[in-house]
């Protein structure tokens, strides 16, 4: 199995794909958003940046990513969800991975229409304990019990940045910063693109299985 880097706009399905890989293939999942939100609980400036939808400075996020990658054993396969978000970060990540001897990496770009993403963001909730994602607007991803996690029964919460205004900032920032990254990984020959809609969820997961082998 290959290590996976997900490139995708907000609410494109990185969490769903990551949960699948963790459950089926025992991947280690590192969500940049979760890592940052945990650190934001003790850093008011970082909290304000996240709520605004703006990107976090490299000086903050890169050391966090490097530390979690260094914590892995050689047998572990990892998922990076939400990093890199700029070409500079992508190049820095290459240096980090090379230093760790990690060569088997596939970059998966998830493609979803903008209108679908907005609907997902408005309905999205996450578990307050294990961070599993749900969506009240999508039947397949509704919790079995309203506002309770299916796995650990903890309360589901709505993230402060899951609103249309914040989404549009994050979406536009994603488009501006990610096109060069996609071109960069395409030139390196490690980029795969997956279409992810509710109607083609099974097909998307089948394609994901094929690209990680």
N, C-alpha and C. Protein backbone atom coordinates (compact mmCIF):
# COMPACT_ATOMS: atom_id res chain seq x y z
N UNK A 1 0.83 -1.20 0.00
CA UNK A 1 0.00 0.00 0.00
C UNK A 1 0.87 1.26 0.00
N UNK A 2 0.38 2.29 -0.68
CA UNK A 2 1.10 3.55 -0.74
C UNK A 2 0.60 4.52 0.33
N UNK A 3 1.48 5.41 0.76
CA UNK A 3 1.06 6.52 1.59
C UNK A 3 0.23 7.48 0.74
N UNK A 4 -0.69 8.20 1.38
CA UNK A 4 -1.65 9.01 0.63
C UNK A 4 -1.63 10.46 1.07
N UNK A 5 -1.61 11.36 0.09
CA UNK A 5 -1.80 12.78 0.32
C UNK A 5 -3.08 13.18 -0.40
N UNK A 6 -4.05 13.71 0.34
CA UNK A 6 -5.29 14.17 -0.26
C UNK A 6 -5.23 15.66 -0.57
N UNK A 7 -5.59 16.02 -1.79
CA UNK A 7 -5.77 17.43 -2.18
C UNK A 7 -7.25 17.60 -2.50
N UNK A 8 -7.91 18.48 -1.78
CA UNK A 8 -9.35 18.63 -2.01
C UNK A 8 -9.85 19.90 -1.33
N UNK A 9 -10.88 20.53 -1.91
CA UNK A 9 -11.49 21.70 -1.27
C UNK A 9 -12.24 21.28 -0.01
N UNK A 10 -12.67 22.22 0.82
CA UNK A 10 -13.42 21.88 2.03
C UNK A 10 -14.67 21.07 1.71
N UNK A 11 -14.92 20.02 2.50
CA UNK A 11 -16.11 19.17 2.40
C UNK A 11 -16.13 18.28 1.16
N UNK A 12 -14.97 18.06 0.55
CA UNK A 12 -14.92 17.24 -0.66
C UNK A 12 -14.97 15.74 -0.37
N UNK A 13 -14.75 15.36 0.88
CA UNK A 13 -14.81 13.94 1.23
C UNK A 13 -13.52 13.35 1.74
N UNK A 14 -12.55 14.20 2.08
CA UNK A 14 -11.28 13.68 2.60
C UNK A 14 -11.49 12.85 3.85
N UNK A 15 -12.39 13.31 4.73
CA UNK A 15 -12.64 12.59 5.96
C UNK A 15 -13.26 11.22 5.72
N UNK A 16 -14.21 11.16 4.79
CA UNK A 16 -14.86 9.89 4.46
C UNK A 16 -13.87 8.91 3.86
N UNK A 17 -13.07 9.37 2.91
CA UNK A 17 -12.06 8.52 2.30
C UNK A 17 -11.04 8.05 3.33
N UNK A 18 -10.65 8.97 4.21
CA UNK A 18 -9.65 8.63 5.23
C UNK A 18 -10.19 7.59 6.19
N UNK A 19 -11.46 7.75 6.64
CA UNK A 19 -12.07 6.77 7.54
C UNK A 19 -12.08 5.39 6.90
N UNK A 20 -12.35 5.35 5.60
CA UNK A 20 -12.38 4.08 4.87
C UNK A 20 -11.00 3.41 4.88
N UNK A 21 -9.96 4.18 4.61
CA UNK A 21 -8.61 3.62 4.57
C UNK A 21 -8.14 3.17 5.96
N UNK A 22 -8.53 3.92 6.97
CA UNK A 22 -8.17 3.55 8.35
C UNK A 22 -8.84 2.24 8.73
N UNK A 23 -10.12 2.12 8.41
CA UNK A 23 -10.89 0.93 8.80
C UNK A 23 -10.46 -0.31 8.01
N UNK A 24 -10.27 -0.15 6.71
CA UNK A 24 -10.01 -1.31 5.86
C UNK A 24 -8.53 -1.70 5.80
N UNK A 25 -7.64 -0.70 5.89
CA UNK A 25 -6.22 -0.98 5.66
C UNK A 25 -5.31 -0.49 6.78
N UNK A 26 -5.89 -0.05 7.90
CA UNK A 26 -5.13 0.33 9.08
C UNK A 26 -4.17 1.50 8.84
N UNK A 27 -4.58 2.45 8.01
CA UNK A 27 -3.77 3.65 7.79
C UNK A 27 -3.77 4.52 9.05
N UNK A 28 -2.73 5.33 9.19
CA UNK A 28 -2.66 6.36 10.22
C UNK A 28 -3.11 7.67 9.59
N UNK A 29 -4.17 8.26 10.13
CA UNK A 29 -4.77 9.45 9.52
C UNK A 29 -4.36 10.71 10.26
N UNK A 30 -3.76 11.64 9.53
CA UNK A 30 -3.39 12.92 10.11
C UNK A 30 -4.17 14.03 9.40
N UNK A 31 -5.19 14.54 10.06
CA UNK A 31 -5.99 15.64 9.53
C UNK A 31 -5.40 16.96 10.00
N UNK A 32 -4.94 17.77 9.06
CA UNK A 32 -4.37 19.06 9.43
C UNK A 32 -5.38 19.90 10.20
N UNK A 33 -6.64 19.85 9.77
CA UNK A 33 -7.67 20.62 10.46
C UNK A 33 -7.81 20.22 11.91
N UNK A 34 -7.83 18.90 12.18
CA UNK A 34 -7.95 18.43 13.56
C UNK A 34 -6.74 18.81 14.39
N UNK A 35 -5.56 18.68 13.79
CA UNK A 35 -4.33 19.04 14.50
C UNK A 35 -4.35 20.51 14.88
N UNK A 36 -4.75 21.35 13.93
CA UNK A 36 -4.78 22.80 14.18
C UNK A 36 -5.85 23.17 15.20
N UNK A 37 -7.03 22.54 15.10
CA UNK A 37 -8.09 22.86 16.05
C UNK A 37 -7.71 22.48 17.48
N UNK A 38 -7.00 21.37 17.62
CA UNK A 38 -6.54 20.98 18.95
C UNK A 38 -5.57 22.02 19.51
N UNK A 39 -4.66 22.50 18.66
CA UNK A 39 -3.70 23.52 19.10
C UNK A 39 -4.38 24.87 19.33
N UNK A 40 -5.46 25.14 18.58
CA UNK A 40 -6.16 26.42 18.71
C UNK A 40 -6.86 26.57 20.05
N UNK A 41 -7.12 25.44 20.74
CA UNK A 41 -7.76 25.50 22.05
C UNK A 41 -6.90 26.24 23.07
N UNK A 42 -5.60 26.29 22.80
CA UNK A 42 -4.70 26.98 23.72
C UNK A 42 -3.96 28.13 23.03
N UNK A 43 -4.45 28.52 21.85
CA UNK A 43 -3.81 29.61 21.09
C UNK A 43 -4.91 30.46 20.44
N UNK A 44 -5.22 31.60 21.05
CA UNK A 44 -6.33 32.44 20.59
C UNK A 44 -6.09 32.99 19.18
N UNK A 45 -4.85 33.35 18.87
CA UNK A 45 -4.54 33.88 17.54
C UNK A 45 -4.81 32.82 16.47
N UNK A 46 -4.38 31.59 16.73
CA UNK A 46 -4.61 30.51 15.79
C UNK A 46 -6.10 30.24 15.65
N UNK A 47 -6.84 30.32 16.74
CA UNK A 47 -8.29 30.12 16.71
C UNK A 47 -8.96 31.13 15.80
N UNK A 48 -8.54 32.40 15.87
CA UNK A 48 -9.13 33.45 15.04
C UNK A 48 -8.81 33.22 13.57
N UNK A 49 -7.61 32.75 13.27
CA UNK A 49 -7.22 32.47 11.89
C UNK A 49 -8.09 31.36 11.31
N UNK A 50 -8.32 30.31 12.09
CA UNK A 50 -9.13 29.19 11.62
C UNK A 50 -10.57 29.62 11.39
N UNK A 51 -11.12 30.44 12.28
CA UNK A 51 -12.51 30.88 12.15
C UNK A 51 -12.70 31.79 10.93
N UNK A 52 -11.63 32.50 10.54
CA UNK A 52 -11.72 33.39 9.39
C UNK A 52 -11.61 32.65 8.07
N UNK A 53 -11.06 31.41 8.11
CA UNK A 53 -10.88 30.63 6.90
C UNK A 53 -9.55 30.87 6.21
N UNK A 54 -8.72 31.73 6.77
CA UNK A 54 -7.42 32.02 6.16
C UNK A 54 -6.44 30.88 6.42
N UNK A 55 -5.38 30.82 5.61
CA UNK A 55 -4.36 29.79 5.77
C UNK A 55 -3.47 30.09 6.98
N UNK A 56 -3.03 29.04 7.64
CA UNK A 56 -2.12 29.16 8.78
C UNK A 56 -0.68 29.26 8.25
N UNK A 57 0.13 30.08 8.90
CA UNK A 57 1.51 30.30 8.45
C UNK A 57 2.32 29.00 8.44
N UNK A 58 3.25 28.91 7.49
CA UNK A 58 4.12 27.74 7.39
C UNK A 58 4.91 27.50 8.66
N UNK A 59 5.31 28.56 9.34
CA UNK A 59 6.11 28.44 10.55
C UNK A 59 5.37 27.67 11.64
N UNK A 60 4.03 27.65 11.54
CA UNK A 60 3.21 26.95 12.53
C UNK A 60 2.91 25.52 12.07
N UNK A 61 2.43 25.38 10.85
CA UNK A 61 1.92 24.08 10.41
C UNK A 61 3.01 23.09 10.02
N UNK A 62 4.09 23.53 9.39
CA UNK A 62 5.10 22.58 8.92
C UNK A 62 5.75 21.80 10.07
N UNK A 63 6.16 22.44 11.17
CA UNK A 63 6.72 21.66 12.29
C UNK A 63 5.73 20.65 12.86
N UNK A 64 4.44 21.00 12.89
CA UNK A 64 3.43 20.07 13.39
C UNK A 64 3.36 18.82 12.51
N UNK A 65 3.36 19.03 11.19
CA UNK A 65 3.30 17.90 10.26
C UNK A 65 4.56 17.05 10.35
N UNK A 66 5.70 17.69 10.43
CA UNK A 66 6.96 16.95 10.52
C UNK A 66 7.00 16.09 11.78
N UNK A 67 6.49 16.61 12.88
CA UNK A 67 6.50 15.86 14.14
C UNK A 67 5.63 14.61 14.07
N UNK A 68 4.44 14.73 13.46
CA UNK A 68 3.56 13.55 13.40
C UNK A 68 4.13 12.50 12.46
N UNK A 69 4.78 12.93 11.38
CA UNK A 69 5.39 11.96 10.46
C UNK A 69 6.57 11.24 11.12
N UNK A 70 7.32 11.96 11.93
CA UNK A 70 8.45 11.35 12.63
C UNK A 70 7.99 10.35 13.68
N UNK A 71 6.74 10.46 14.11
CA UNK A 71 6.24 9.54 15.15
C UNK A 71 5.87 8.17 14.60
N UNK A 72 5.85 8.03 13.27
CA UNK A 72 5.45 6.76 12.64
C UNK A 72 6.59 5.75 12.62
N UNK A 73 6.21 4.48 12.61
CA UNK A 73 7.18 3.42 12.40
C UNK A 73 7.33 3.17 10.90
N UNK A 74 8.32 2.40 10.50
CA UNK A 74 8.54 2.14 9.09
C UNK A 74 7.40 1.32 8.48
N UNK A 75 6.69 0.56 9.31
CA UNK A 75 5.60 -0.28 8.81
C UNK A 75 4.30 0.51 8.62
N UNK A 76 4.18 1.66 9.25
CA UNK A 76 2.95 2.45 9.18
C UNK A 76 2.75 3.07 7.80
N UNK A 77 1.50 3.10 7.36
CA UNK A 77 1.12 3.86 6.17
C UNK A 77 0.26 5.02 6.63
N UNK A 78 0.51 6.21 6.07
CA UNK A 78 -0.16 7.40 6.57
C UNK A 78 -1.02 8.08 5.52
N UNK A 79 -1.95 8.88 6.02
CA UNK A 79 -2.78 9.77 5.20
C UNK A 79 -2.51 11.19 5.65
N UNK A 80 -2.18 12.07 4.73
CA UNK A 80 -2.12 13.50 5.02
C UNK A 80 -3.37 14.14 4.43
N UNK A 81 -4.17 14.71 5.28
CA UNK A 81 -5.47 15.27 4.91
C UNK A 81 -5.44 16.77 5.20
N UNK A 82 -5.32 17.60 4.13
CA UNK A 82 -5.29 19.05 4.32
C UNK A 82 -3.92 19.67 4.26
N UNK A 83 -2.91 18.89 3.89
CA UNK A 83 -1.54 19.40 3.75
C UNK A 83 -0.85 18.57 2.68
N UNK A 84 -0.15 19.22 1.75
CA UNK A 84 0.17 20.65 1.65
C UNK A 84 -0.95 21.46 1.00
N UNK A 85 -0.93 22.78 1.28
CA UNK A 85 -1.91 23.69 0.68
C UNK A 85 -1.27 24.77 -0.18
N UNK A 86 0.04 24.78 -0.25
CA UNK A 86 0.75 25.71 -1.13
C UNK A 86 1.90 24.95 -1.79
N UNK A 87 2.41 25.51 -2.88
CA UNK A 87 3.53 24.88 -3.58
C UNK A 87 4.76 24.83 -2.68
N UNK A 88 4.97 25.86 -1.89
CA UNK A 88 6.11 25.89 -0.97
C UNK A 88 6.00 24.75 0.05
N UNK A 89 4.79 24.53 0.56
CA UNK A 89 4.59 23.43 1.50
C UNK A 89 4.83 22.08 0.84
N UNK A 90 4.41 21.93 -0.41
CA UNK A 90 4.61 20.68 -1.13
C UNK A 90 6.10 20.37 -1.29
N UNK A 91 6.86 21.38 -1.63
CA UNK A 91 8.30 21.19 -1.79
C UNK A 91 8.98 20.89 -0.45
N UNK A 92 8.52 21.56 0.61
CA UNK A 92 9.06 21.28 1.94
C UNK A 92 8.70 19.88 2.38
N UNK A 93 7.49 19.44 2.06
CA UNK A 93 7.07 18.08 2.41
C UNK A 93 7.94 17.05 1.71
N UNK A 94 8.30 17.30 0.45
CA UNK A 94 9.19 16.39 -0.26
C UNK A 94 10.51 16.22 0.48
N UNK A 95 11.03 17.31 1.01
CA UNK A 95 12.29 17.26 1.75
C UNK A 95 12.13 16.43 3.03
N UNK A 96 11.01 16.66 3.74
CA UNK A 96 10.75 15.92 4.98
C UNK A 96 10.63 14.43 4.69
N UNK A 97 9.83 14.06 3.68
CA UNK A 97 9.61 12.66 3.35
C UNK A 97 10.90 11.99 2.88
N UNK A 98 11.69 12.71 2.10
CA UNK A 98 12.97 12.17 1.64
C UNK A 98 13.88 11.89 2.83
N UNK A 99 13.90 12.81 3.79
CA UNK A 99 14.72 12.63 4.98
C UNK A 99 14.29 11.44 5.82
N UNK A 100 13.01 11.11 5.75
CA UNK A 100 12.48 9.98 6.50
C UNK A 100 12.53 8.68 5.69
N UNK A 101 12.97 8.77 4.44
CA UNK A 101 13.05 7.58 3.59
C UNK A 101 11.72 7.11 3.06
N UNK A 102 10.73 8.02 2.98
CA UNK A 102 9.40 7.67 2.49
C UNK A 102 9.33 7.99 1.00
N UNK A 103 9.14 6.96 0.18
CA UNK A 103 9.14 7.15 -1.27
C UNK A 103 7.80 6.76 -1.92
N UNK A 104 7.08 5.83 -1.33
CA UNK A 104 5.85 5.30 -1.94
C UNK A 104 4.65 6.16 -1.55
N UNK A 105 4.44 7.26 -2.29
CA UNK A 105 3.37 8.21 -2.00
C UNK A 105 2.53 8.45 -3.25
N UNK A 106 1.21 8.46 -3.08
CA UNK A 106 0.30 8.83 -4.15
C UNK A 106 -0.48 10.06 -3.71
N UNK A 107 -0.63 11.02 -4.61
CA UNK A 107 -1.38 12.25 -4.32
C UNK A 107 -2.75 12.13 -4.99
N UNK A 108 -3.81 12.18 -4.18
CA UNK A 108 -5.17 11.99 -4.68
C UNK A 108 -5.90 13.33 -4.64
N UNK A 109 -6.28 13.84 -5.81
CA UNK A 109 -7.06 15.07 -5.92
C UNK A 109 -8.53 14.70 -6.03
N UNK A 110 -9.36 15.18 -5.09
CA UNK A 110 -10.78 14.87 -5.08
C UNK A 110 -11.54 16.03 -5.72
N UNK A 111 -12.32 15.70 -6.74
CA UNK A 111 -13.03 16.72 -7.52
C UNK A 111 -14.52 16.69 -7.21
N UNK A 112 -15.07 17.82 -6.75
CA UNK A 112 -16.50 17.92 -6.41
C UNK A 112 -17.00 19.30 -6.84
N UNK A 113 -18.24 19.37 -7.35
CA UNK A 113 -18.80 20.65 -7.77
C UNK A 113 -19.00 21.58 -6.56
N UNK A 114 -18.86 22.89 -6.80
CA UNK A 114 -18.93 23.90 -5.75
C UNK A 114 -20.27 23.87 -5.00
N UNK A 115 -21.39 23.76 -5.73
CA UNK A 115 -22.72 23.76 -5.11
C UNK A 115 -22.89 22.58 -4.16
N UNK A 116 -22.34 21.43 -4.54
CA UNK A 116 -22.40 20.25 -3.68
C UNK A 116 -21.60 20.48 -2.40
N UNK A 117 -20.46 21.13 -2.53
CA UNK A 117 -19.62 21.40 -1.37
C UNK A 117 -20.32 22.31 -0.36
N UNK A 118 -21.00 23.34 -0.85
CA UNK A 118 -21.71 24.27 0.04
C UNK A 118 -22.78 23.53 0.83
N UNK A 119 -23.52 22.65 0.16
CA UNK A 119 -24.56 21.88 0.83
C UNK A 119 -23.97 20.98 1.90
N UNK A 120 -22.83 20.39 1.61
CA UNK A 120 -22.17 19.52 2.59
C UNK A 120 -21.70 20.31 3.81
N UNK A 121 -21.13 21.48 3.57
CA UNK A 121 -20.60 22.30 4.67
C UNK A 121 -21.71 22.71 5.63
N UNK A 122 -22.84 23.16 5.08
CA UNK A 122 -23.94 23.63 5.91
C UNK A 122 -24.49 22.50 6.79
N UNK A 123 -24.49 21.27 6.29
CA UNK A 123 -25.05 20.16 7.05
C UNK A 123 -24.05 19.36 7.86
N UNK A 124 -22.77 19.70 7.77
CA UNK A 124 -21.74 18.86 8.40
C UNK A 124 -21.66 19.06 9.91
N UNK A 125 -21.49 17.94 10.62
CA UNK A 125 -21.21 17.95 12.05
C UNK A 125 -20.12 16.91 12.32
N UNK A 126 -19.36 17.11 13.39
CA UNK A 126 -18.29 16.18 13.73
C UNK A 126 -18.42 15.75 15.18
N UNK A 127 -17.90 14.55 15.46
CA UNK A 127 -17.92 14.06 16.83
C UNK A 127 -16.97 14.88 17.69
N UNK A 128 -17.41 15.27 18.87
CA UNK A 128 -16.61 16.10 19.76
C UNK A 128 -15.45 15.33 20.38
N UNK A 129 -15.47 13.99 20.25
CA UNK A 129 -14.40 13.19 20.85
C UNK A 129 -13.49 12.55 19.81
N UNK A 130 -14.07 11.81 18.84
CA UNK A 130 -13.24 11.09 17.87
C UNK A 130 -13.14 11.79 16.52
N UNK A 131 -13.89 12.88 16.35
CA UNK A 131 -13.84 13.72 15.14
C UNK A 131 -14.39 13.06 13.88
N UNK A 132 -15.16 11.98 14.03
CA UNK A 132 -15.79 11.36 12.86
C UNK A 132 -16.81 12.34 12.29
N UNK A 133 -16.89 12.40 10.94
CA UNK A 133 -17.75 13.37 10.28
C UNK A 133 -19.12 12.78 9.95
N UNK A 134 -20.15 13.63 10.05
CA UNK A 134 -21.51 13.27 9.67
C UNK A 134 -22.09 14.44 8.86
N UNK A 135 -23.26 14.20 8.25
CA UNK A 135 -23.90 15.28 7.52
C UNK A 135 -25.42 15.12 7.57
N UNK A 136 -26.08 16.13 8.12
CA UNK A 136 -27.53 16.06 8.28
C UNK A 136 -28.27 16.29 6.96
N UNK A 137 -27.57 16.73 5.91
CA UNK A 137 -28.19 16.96 4.60
C UNK A 137 -28.04 15.79 3.65
N UNK A 138 -27.28 14.77 4.07
CA UNK A 138 -27.01 13.62 3.21
C UNK A 138 -27.41 12.35 3.94
N UNK A 139 -28.41 11.64 3.42
CA UNK A 139 -28.96 10.48 4.09
C UNK A 139 -27.90 9.46 4.48
N UNK A 140 -26.97 9.19 3.57
CA UNK A 140 -25.95 8.17 3.80
C UNK A 140 -25.04 8.51 4.97
N UNK A 141 -24.92 9.82 5.30
CA UNK A 141 -23.98 10.23 6.34
C UNK A 141 -24.65 10.82 7.58
N UNK A 142 -25.97 10.60 7.70
CA UNK A 142 -26.66 11.04 8.92
C UNK A 142 -26.33 10.08 10.06
N UNK A 143 -26.21 10.59 11.30
CA UNK A 143 -26.00 9.69 12.44
C UNK A 143 -27.25 8.87 12.71
N UNK A 144 -27.08 7.69 13.30
CA UNK A 144 -28.23 6.83 13.62
C UNK A 144 -29.12 7.49 14.67
N UNK A 145 -28.48 8.17 15.62
CA UNK A 145 -29.19 8.91 16.66
C UNK A 145 -28.83 10.38 16.51
N UNK A 146 -29.82 11.26 16.45
CA UNK A 146 -29.59 12.67 16.21
C UNK A 146 -28.56 13.26 17.19
N UNK A 147 -27.53 13.88 16.62
CA UNK A 147 -26.50 14.59 17.38
C UNK A 147 -25.68 13.68 18.29
N UNK A 148 -25.60 12.37 17.93
CA UNK A 148 -24.75 11.45 18.68
C UNK A 148 -23.89 10.64 17.71
N UNK A 149 -22.62 10.45 18.06
CA UNK A 149 -21.70 9.69 17.22
C UNK A 149 -22.07 8.21 17.21
N UNK A 150 -22.10 7.59 16.05
CA UNK A 150 -22.42 6.17 15.94
C UNK A 150 -21.39 5.31 16.65
N UNK A 151 -20.12 5.74 16.65
CA UNK A 151 -19.03 4.92 17.19
C UNK A 151 -18.86 5.04 18.69
N UNK A 152 -18.79 6.30 19.19
CA UNK A 152 -18.50 6.48 20.61
C UNK A 152 -19.62 7.15 21.40
N UNK A 153 -20.72 7.47 20.73
CA UNK A 153 -21.91 8.06 21.35
C UNK A 153 -21.67 9.45 21.96
N UNK A 154 -20.56 10.07 21.60
CA UNK A 154 -20.31 11.43 22.08
C UNK A 154 -21.16 12.43 21.30
N UNK A 155 -21.28 13.63 21.83
CA UNK A 155 -22.11 14.66 21.21
C UNK A 155 -21.49 15.14 19.90
N UNK A 156 -22.33 15.33 18.88
CA UNK A 156 -21.88 15.90 17.62
C UNK A 156 -21.95 17.42 17.71
N UNK A 157 -20.95 18.08 17.15
CA UNK A 157 -20.91 19.53 17.19
C UNK A 157 -20.72 20.09 15.78
N UNK A 158 -21.12 21.32 15.59
CA UNK A 158 -20.91 22.02 14.31
C UNK A 158 -19.70 22.91 14.47
N UNK A 159 -18.69 22.74 13.61
CA UNK A 159 -17.50 23.57 13.68
C UNK A 159 -17.84 25.02 13.39
N UNK A 160 -17.12 25.92 14.07
CA UNK A 160 -17.39 27.34 13.90
C UNK A 160 -17.11 27.84 12.49
N UNK A 161 -16.22 27.15 11.78
CA UNK A 161 -15.90 27.59 10.42
C UNK A 161 -16.76 26.90 9.36
N UNK A 162 -17.73 26.08 9.79
CA UNK A 162 -18.63 25.42 8.83
C UNK A 162 -19.84 26.30 8.55
N UNK A 163 -19.61 27.39 7.87
CA UNK A 163 -20.68 28.27 7.42
C UNK A 163 -20.32 28.73 6.01
N UNK A 164 -21.30 29.27 5.29
CA UNK A 164 -21.08 29.58 3.88
C UNK A 164 -20.03 30.66 3.67
N UNK A 165 -20.01 31.68 4.52
CA UNK A 165 -19.04 32.77 4.38
C UNK A 165 -17.62 32.26 4.52
N UNK A 166 -17.38 31.50 5.58
CA UNK A 166 -16.05 30.95 5.81
C UNK A 166 -15.67 29.95 4.72
N UNK A 167 -16.67 29.16 4.27
CA UNK A 167 -16.40 28.19 3.21
C UNK A 167 -15.90 28.88 1.94
N UNK A 168 -16.57 29.97 1.53
CA UNK A 168 -16.20 30.65 0.29
C UNK A 168 -14.78 31.19 0.36
N UNK A 169 -14.39 31.68 1.54
CA UNK A 169 -13.00 32.15 1.72
C UNK A 169 -12.05 30.98 1.54
N UNK A 170 -12.34 29.86 2.22
CA UNK A 170 -11.47 28.69 2.13
C UNK A 170 -11.45 28.09 0.73
N UNK A 171 -12.61 28.09 0.07
CA UNK A 171 -12.71 27.51 -1.27
C UNK A 171 -11.89 28.32 -2.27
N UNK A 172 -12.04 29.64 -2.23
CA UNK A 172 -11.29 30.50 -3.16
C UNK A 172 -9.79 30.44 -2.88
N UNK A 173 -9.43 30.37 -1.60
CA UNK A 173 -8.02 30.24 -1.25
C UNK A 173 -7.47 28.92 -1.75
N UNK A 174 -8.28 27.87 -1.63
CA UNK A 174 -7.87 26.55 -2.12
C UNK A 174 -7.59 26.58 -3.62
N UNK A 175 -8.50 27.17 -4.39
CA UNK A 175 -8.33 27.22 -5.84
C UNK A 175 -7.06 27.97 -6.22
N UNK A 176 -6.83 29.11 -5.56
CA UNK A 176 -5.68 29.94 -5.88
C UNK A 176 -4.36 29.23 -5.57
N UNK A 177 -4.33 28.53 -4.45
CA UNK A 177 -3.07 27.95 -3.99
C UNK A 177 -2.82 26.54 -4.52
N UNK A 178 -3.89 25.81 -4.87
CA UNK A 178 -3.73 24.40 -5.17
C UNK A 178 -3.43 24.09 -6.63
N UNK A 179 -3.84 24.95 -7.56
CA UNK A 179 -3.55 24.68 -8.96
C UNK A 179 -2.05 24.45 -9.22
N UNK A 180 -1.16 25.27 -8.64
CA UNK A 180 0.27 25.01 -8.83
C UNK A 180 0.71 23.68 -8.20
N UNK A 181 0.07 23.29 -7.09
CA UNK A 181 0.44 22.02 -6.44
C UNK A 181 0.03 20.85 -7.32
N UNK A 182 -1.18 20.93 -7.88
CA UNK A 182 -1.64 19.87 -8.76
C UNK A 182 -0.72 19.72 -9.97
N UNK A 183 -0.33 20.84 -10.54
CA UNK A 183 0.61 20.80 -11.68
C UNK A 183 1.95 20.21 -11.26
N UNK A 184 2.38 20.55 -10.06
CA UNK A 184 3.67 20.06 -9.53
C UNK A 184 3.65 18.55 -9.38
N UNK A 185 2.60 18.01 -8.76
CA UNK A 185 2.53 16.57 -8.55
C UNK A 185 2.23 15.82 -9.85
N UNK A 186 1.51 16.47 -10.75
CA UNK A 186 1.25 15.84 -12.05
C UNK A 186 2.56 15.66 -12.80
N UNK A 187 3.41 16.68 -12.75
CA UNK A 187 4.71 16.59 -13.42
C UNK A 187 5.59 15.51 -12.78
N UNK A 188 5.44 15.31 -11.48
CA UNK A 188 6.21 14.27 -10.78
C UNK A 188 5.67 12.88 -11.07
N UNK A 189 4.44 12.79 -11.64
CA UNK A 189 3.87 11.51 -12.01
C UNK A 189 3.20 10.75 -10.87
N UNK A 190 2.81 11.44 -9.80
CA UNK A 190 2.21 10.75 -8.65
C UNK A 190 0.79 11.23 -8.36
N UNK A 191 0.16 11.95 -9.31
CA UNK A 191 -1.17 12.51 -9.10
C UNK A 191 -2.26 11.61 -9.68
N UNK A 192 -3.34 11.41 -8.88
CA UNK A 192 -4.52 10.70 -9.33
C UNK A 192 -5.74 11.57 -9.00
N UNK A 193 -6.73 11.64 -9.92
CA UNK A 193 -7.93 12.45 -9.71
C UNK A 193 -9.13 11.53 -9.55
N UNK A 194 -9.94 11.78 -8.50
CA UNK A 194 -11.14 10.99 -8.23
C UNK A 194 -12.34 11.91 -8.14
N UNK A 195 -13.40 11.59 -8.89
CA UNK A 195 -14.66 12.31 -8.80
C UNK A 195 -15.44 11.75 -7.61
N UNK A 196 -15.95 12.63 -6.74
CA UNK A 196 -16.66 12.15 -5.55
C UNK A 196 -18.02 12.84 -5.40
N UNK A 197 -19.07 12.13 -5.77
CA UNK A 197 -20.44 12.60 -5.55
C UNK A 197 -21.18 11.52 -4.77
N UNK A 198 -22.31 11.90 -4.16
CA UNK A 198 -23.07 10.93 -3.39
C UNK A 198 -23.52 9.76 -4.28
N UNK A 199 -23.85 10.05 -5.53
CA UNK A 199 -24.35 9.01 -6.43
C UNK A 199 -23.26 8.07 -6.89
N UNK A 200 -22.00 8.49 -6.80
CA UNK A 200 -20.90 7.67 -7.27
C UNK A 200 -19.92 7.35 -6.15
N UNK A 201 -20.41 7.31 -4.90
CA UNK A 201 -19.54 7.07 -3.76
C UNK A 201 -18.84 5.72 -3.85
N UNK A 202 -19.59 4.66 -4.22
CA UNK A 202 -19.00 3.33 -4.32
C UNK A 202 -17.92 3.30 -5.40
N UNK A 203 -18.20 3.92 -6.53
CA UNK A 203 -17.23 3.98 -7.62
C UNK A 203 -15.97 4.72 -7.19
N UNK A 204 -16.14 5.81 -6.44
CA UNK A 204 -15.00 6.59 -5.97
C UNK A 204 -14.12 5.76 -5.04
N UNK A 205 -14.74 4.98 -4.14
CA UNK A 205 -13.98 4.15 -3.21
C UNK A 205 -13.24 3.03 -3.95
N UNK A 206 -13.86 2.50 -4.98
CA UNK A 206 -13.20 1.47 -5.79
C UNK A 206 -11.96 2.04 -6.48
N UNK A 207 -12.11 3.27 -6.99
CA UNK A 207 -10.97 3.91 -7.64
C UNK A 207 -9.87 4.21 -6.63
N UNK A 208 -10.26 4.61 -5.42
CA UNK A 208 -9.28 4.87 -4.38
C UNK A 208 -8.49 3.61 -4.05
N UNK A 209 -9.18 2.49 -3.93
CA UNK A 209 -8.49 1.22 -3.66
C UNK A 209 -7.45 0.90 -4.72
N UNK A 210 -7.78 1.21 -5.98
CA UNK A 210 -6.87 0.88 -7.07
C UNK A 210 -5.61 1.74 -7.07
N UNK A 211 -5.73 3.01 -6.64
CA UNK A 211 -4.58 3.92 -6.73
C UNK A 211 -3.62 3.78 -5.55
N UNK A 212 -4.06 3.16 -4.44
CA UNK A 212 -3.16 3.03 -3.29
C UNK A 212 -2.33 1.75 -3.36
N UNK A 213 -2.64 0.85 -4.31
CA UNK A 213 -1.91 -0.41 -4.38
C UNK A 213 -0.52 -0.23 -4.98
